[in-house]
C-alpha cells in the first residue's frame, strides 16, 4: 500500500511577540512540506525578522525531519514557538 499524504496543523504556540502555528504535510512519516500559518507580524520589525526566519525554519524542518531544528539568529521567540507547534503537529500525526 502506498504511503498516505496528509496535512496536520500543530497547536498554536504563544510567544512574547505573538502566536506561531505550523502546518506540515507528510507522505507516510516523511515531512514533505512545512509552513508557518501564523507567526508574529504585528510590527514592521516582526515582519522583517520573520520574512527571513520563517522560510529558514521551514527548510530546517524538511532537512531535520523532526522538531530538532536550530534557532534562527535574531528570531529566538519565533523559533521556539515554531518548534513547539511543529512538535505538536508531529505528535498529532503520530510520527
N, C-alpha and C. Protein backbone atom coordinates (compact mmCIF):
# COMPACT_ATOMS: atom_id res chain seq x y z
N UNK A 1 0.84 -1.18 0.00
CA UNK A 1 0.00 0.00 0.00
C UNK A 1 0.88 1.25 0.00
N UNK A 2 0.55 2.21 -0.83
CA UNK A 2 1.34 3.44 -0.94
C UNK A 2 1.14 4.30 0.31
N UNK A 3 2.19 5.04 0.72
CA UNK A 3 2.04 5.93 1.87
C UNK A 3 0.95 6.96 1.61
N UNK A 4 0.30 7.35 2.66
CA UNK A 4 -0.77 8.34 2.56
C UNK A 4 -0.19 9.73 2.77
N UNK A 5 -0.58 10.67 1.91
CA UNK A 5 -0.20 12.07 2.09
C UNK A 5 -1.27 12.74 2.93
N UNK A 6 -0.83 13.44 3.97
CA UNK A 6 -1.79 14.13 4.82
C UNK A 6 -1.17 15.42 5.35
N UNK A 7 -2.05 16.32 5.74
CA UNK A 7 -1.61 17.61 6.28
C UNK A 7 -2.10 17.70 7.72
N UNK A 8 -1.19 18.12 8.60
CA UNK A 8 -1.51 18.21 10.03
C UNK A 8 -1.07 19.59 10.52
N UNK A 9 -1.95 20.23 11.28
CA UNK A 9 -1.64 21.54 11.84
C UNK A 9 -1.39 21.39 13.34
N UNK A 10 -0.29 21.98 13.80
CA UNK A 10 0.06 21.92 15.21
C UNK A 10 -0.73 22.93 16.02
N UNK A 11 -0.65 22.78 17.32
CA UNK A 11 -1.28 23.72 18.25
C UNK A 11 -0.60 25.08 18.11
N UNK A 12 -1.32 26.13 18.42
CA UNK A 12 -0.75 27.47 18.39
C UNK A 12 0.13 27.66 19.62
N UNK A 13 1.34 28.11 19.38
CA UNK A 13 2.27 28.41 20.47
C UNK A 13 2.27 29.92 20.68
N UNK A 14 2.00 30.34 21.90
CA UNK A 14 2.00 31.77 22.20
C UNK A 14 3.42 32.20 22.56
N UNK A 15 3.92 33.23 21.89
CA UNK A 15 5.26 33.74 22.19
C UNK A 15 5.14 35.19 22.67
N UNK A 16 6.24 35.72 23.11
CA UNK A 16 6.28 37.10 23.59
C UNK A 16 5.75 38.08 22.54
N UNK A 17 5.98 37.75 21.25
CA UNK A 17 5.61 38.69 20.19
C UNK A 17 4.38 38.29 19.41
N UNK A 18 3.76 37.16 19.79
CA UNK A 18 2.55 36.75 19.10
C UNK A 18 2.53 35.25 18.84
N UNK A 19 1.41 34.76 18.31
CA UNK A 19 1.24 33.32 18.12
C UNK A 19 2.04 32.77 16.93
N UNK A 20 2.45 31.52 17.08
CA UNK A 20 3.11 30.79 15.99
C UNK A 20 2.38 29.46 15.83
N UNK A 21 2.04 29.13 14.60
CA UNK A 21 1.36 27.86 14.32
C UNK A 21 1.93 27.28 13.04
N UNK A 22 2.27 25.98 13.10
CA UNK A 22 2.93 25.31 11.99
C UNK A 22 2.02 24.23 11.41
N UNK A 23 2.05 24.13 10.08
CA UNK A 23 1.31 23.08 9.37
C UNK A 23 2.35 22.27 8.59
N UNK A 24 2.24 20.95 8.69
CA UNK A 24 3.16 20.09 7.95
C UNK A 24 2.38 19.17 7.02
N UNK A 25 3.03 18.79 5.93
CA UNK A 25 2.49 17.80 5.02
C UNK A 25 3.40 16.59 5.11
N UNK A 26 2.79 15.43 5.24
CA UNK A 26 3.55 14.19 5.36
C UNK A 26 3.15 13.22 4.27
N UNK A 27 4.14 12.48 3.80
CA UNK A 27 3.90 11.36 2.90
C UNK A 27 4.37 10.14 3.69
N UNK A 28 3.43 9.39 4.26
CA UNK A 28 3.79 8.36 5.23
C UNK A 28 4.30 9.08 6.47
N UNK A 29 5.56 8.81 6.86
CA UNK A 29 6.12 9.50 8.02
C UNK A 29 7.16 10.55 7.61
N UNK A 30 7.33 10.75 6.31
CA UNK A 30 8.28 11.75 5.82
C UNK A 30 7.62 13.11 5.71
N UNK A 31 8.29 14.13 6.29
CA UNK A 31 7.79 15.50 6.19
C UNK A 31 8.16 16.01 4.80
N UNK A 32 7.15 16.30 3.99
CA UNK A 32 7.39 16.78 2.62
C UNK A 32 7.11 18.28 2.48
N UNK A 33 6.49 18.87 3.49
CA UNK A 33 6.20 20.30 3.45
C UNK A 33 6.04 20.83 4.86
N UNK A 34 6.45 22.06 5.07
CA UNK A 34 6.28 22.71 6.37
C UNK A 34 6.06 24.20 6.13
N UNK A 35 5.09 24.75 6.83
CA UNK A 35 4.85 26.19 6.70
C UNK A 35 4.27 26.72 8.00
N UNK A 36 4.65 27.94 8.30
CA UNK A 36 4.08 28.63 9.46
C UNK A 36 2.82 29.33 8.97
N UNK A 37 1.67 28.90 9.47
CA UNK A 37 0.42 29.53 9.05
C UNK A 37 0.10 30.75 9.90
N UNK A 38 0.72 30.83 11.07
CA UNK A 38 0.61 32.03 11.92
C UNK A 38 1.99 32.30 12.50
N UNK A 39 2.35 33.56 12.52
CA UNK A 39 3.60 33.98 13.16
C UNK A 39 3.50 35.48 13.44
N UNK A 40 4.34 35.98 14.37
CA UNK A 40 4.24 37.40 14.73
C UNK A 40 4.46 38.30 13.52
N UNK A 41 3.48 39.17 13.27
CA UNK A 41 3.60 40.11 12.15
C UNK A 41 2.92 41.44 12.47
N UNK A 42 2.77 41.70 13.75
CA UNK A 42 2.09 42.94 14.17
C UNK A 42 2.92 44.18 13.90
N UNK A 43 4.23 44.06 14.06
CA UNK A 43 5.08 45.24 13.86
C UNK A 43 5.95 45.06 12.62
N UNK A 44 6.45 46.16 12.12
CA UNK A 44 7.34 46.11 10.96
C UNK A 44 8.57 45.29 11.30
N UNK A 45 9.07 45.40 12.52
CA UNK A 45 10.25 44.64 12.92
C UNK A 45 9.96 43.14 12.91
N UNK A 46 8.81 42.74 13.45
CA UNK A 46 8.45 41.32 13.44
C UNK A 46 8.31 40.80 12.01
N UNK A 47 7.66 41.59 11.16
CA UNK A 47 7.51 41.17 9.75
C UNK A 47 8.88 41.03 9.08
N UNK A 48 9.78 41.96 9.37
CA UNK A 48 11.12 41.92 8.78
C UNK A 48 11.89 40.68 9.24
N UNK A 49 11.90 40.45 10.55
CA UNK A 49 12.60 39.29 11.11
C UNK A 49 12.02 37.99 10.56
N UNK A 50 10.70 37.88 10.59
CA UNK A 50 10.06 36.61 10.23
C UNK A 50 10.00 36.37 8.73
N UNK A 51 10.17 37.41 7.93
CA UNK A 51 10.21 37.19 6.48
C UNK A 51 11.44 36.37 6.11
N UNK A 52 12.46 36.43 6.94
CA UNK A 52 13.67 35.63 6.73
C UNK A 52 13.64 34.36 7.59
N UNK A 53 13.20 34.50 8.84
CA UNK A 53 13.26 33.38 9.78
C UNK A 53 12.31 32.24 9.42
N UNK A 54 11.08 32.56 9.04
CA UNK A 54 10.09 31.51 8.78
C UNK A 54 10.51 30.60 7.62
N UNK A 55 10.94 31.14 6.47
CA UNK A 55 11.40 30.24 5.40
C UNK A 55 12.58 29.36 5.84
N UNK A 56 13.48 29.91 6.67
CA UNK A 56 14.62 29.11 7.15
C UNK A 56 14.13 27.99 8.06
N UNK A 57 13.17 28.28 8.93
CA UNK A 57 12.62 27.25 9.82
C UNK A 57 11.92 26.17 9.01
N UNK A 58 11.19 26.57 7.97
CA UNK A 58 10.53 25.60 7.10
C UNK A 58 11.57 24.67 6.45
N UNK A 59 12.66 25.26 5.95
CA UNK A 59 13.72 24.46 5.32
C UNK A 59 14.40 23.54 6.33
N UNK A 60 14.66 24.06 7.53
CA UNK A 60 15.30 23.25 8.57
C UNK A 60 14.44 22.03 8.91
N UNK A 61 13.13 22.23 8.93
CA UNK A 61 12.21 21.14 9.25
C UNK A 61 12.32 20.03 8.22
N UNK A 62 12.35 20.40 6.95
CA UNK A 62 12.47 19.40 5.88
C UNK A 62 13.81 18.67 5.97
N UNK A 63 14.86 19.40 6.30
CA UNK A 63 16.19 18.78 6.40
C UNK A 63 16.29 17.86 7.62
N UNK A 64 15.75 18.30 8.76
CA UNK A 64 15.87 17.53 10.00
C UNK A 64 14.86 16.39 10.10
N UNK A 65 13.72 16.54 9.43
CA UNK A 65 12.64 15.55 9.52
C UNK A 65 12.18 15.36 10.96
N UNK A 66 12.29 16.43 11.75
CA UNK A 66 11.87 16.39 13.16
C UNK A 66 11.75 17.83 13.66
N UNK A 67 11.42 17.96 14.94
CA UNK A 67 11.36 19.29 15.54
C UNK A 67 12.71 19.68 16.13
N UNK A 68 13.73 18.88 15.89
CA UNK A 68 15.08 19.16 16.39
C UNK A 68 15.77 20.07 15.38
N UNK A 69 15.35 21.34 15.38
CA UNK A 69 15.87 22.32 14.43
C UNK A 69 16.54 23.46 15.17
N UNK A 70 17.46 24.13 14.49
CA UNK A 70 18.22 25.21 15.09
C UNK A 70 17.38 26.48 15.23
N UNK A 71 17.73 27.26 16.24
CA UNK A 71 17.12 28.57 16.42
C UNK A 71 17.70 29.51 15.38
N UNK A 72 16.85 30.30 14.74
CA UNK A 72 17.32 31.29 13.78
C UNK A 72 17.77 32.52 14.56
N UNK A 73 19.00 32.94 14.31
CA UNK A 73 19.57 34.09 15.00
C UNK A 73 18.68 35.31 14.80
N UNK A 74 18.36 35.98 15.91
CA UNK A 74 17.51 37.17 15.85
C UNK A 74 16.03 36.86 15.90
N UNK A 75 15.68 35.57 15.87
CA UNK A 75 14.27 35.17 15.91
C UNK A 75 14.07 34.07 16.95
N UNK A 76 14.61 34.30 18.13
CA UNK A 76 14.59 33.29 19.19
C UNK A 76 13.17 32.89 19.58
N UNK A 77 12.30 33.87 19.77
CA UNK A 77 10.94 33.57 20.22
C UNK A 77 10.14 32.86 19.13
N UNK A 78 10.27 33.34 17.90
CA UNK A 78 9.58 32.69 16.79
C UNK A 78 10.09 31.26 16.63
N UNK A 79 11.41 31.07 16.73
CA UNK A 79 11.99 29.73 16.59
C UNK A 79 11.47 28.78 17.66
N UNK A 80 11.40 29.26 18.91
CA UNK A 80 10.91 28.42 20.00
C UNK A 80 9.44 28.07 19.80
N UNK A 81 8.64 29.05 19.39
CA UNK A 81 7.23 28.80 19.13
C UNK A 81 7.03 27.86 17.96
N UNK A 82 7.86 28.02 16.94
CA UNK A 82 7.79 27.16 15.75
C UNK A 82 8.07 25.72 16.15
N UNK A 83 9.14 25.51 16.92
CA UNK A 83 9.49 24.15 17.37
C UNK A 83 8.36 23.53 18.18
N UNK A 84 7.77 24.33 19.07
CA UNK A 84 6.68 23.84 19.93
C UNK A 84 5.47 23.42 19.09
N UNK A 85 5.07 24.26 18.14
CA UNK A 85 3.92 23.94 17.30
C UNK A 85 4.24 22.78 16.36
N UNK A 86 5.48 22.75 15.85
CA UNK A 86 5.90 21.65 14.98
C UNK A 86 5.85 20.32 15.73
N UNK A 87 6.34 20.30 16.96
CA UNK A 87 6.29 19.05 17.74
C UNK A 87 4.85 18.62 17.97
N UNK A 88 3.98 19.59 18.20
CA UNK A 88 2.55 19.29 18.38
C UNK A 88 1.98 18.65 17.11
N UNK A 89 2.35 19.20 15.95
CA UNK A 89 1.87 18.62 14.68
C UNK A 89 2.39 17.20 14.49
N UNK A 90 3.66 16.99 14.82
CA UNK A 90 4.24 15.65 14.70
C UNK A 90 3.56 14.67 15.65
N UNK A 91 3.27 15.13 16.86
CA UNK A 91 2.56 14.28 17.83
C UNK A 91 1.17 13.92 17.31
N UNK A 92 0.48 14.93 16.76
CA UNK A 92 -0.86 14.69 16.23
C UNK A 92 -0.83 13.71 15.03
N UNK A 93 0.28 13.77 14.27
CA UNK A 93 0.42 12.89 13.11
C UNK A 93 0.87 11.49 13.51
N UNK A 94 1.34 11.36 14.75
CA UNK A 94 1.78 10.06 15.23
C UNK A 94 3.13 9.65 14.69
N UNK A 95 3.99 10.62 14.43
CA UNK A 95 5.35 10.31 13.95
C UNK A 95 6.41 10.80 14.94
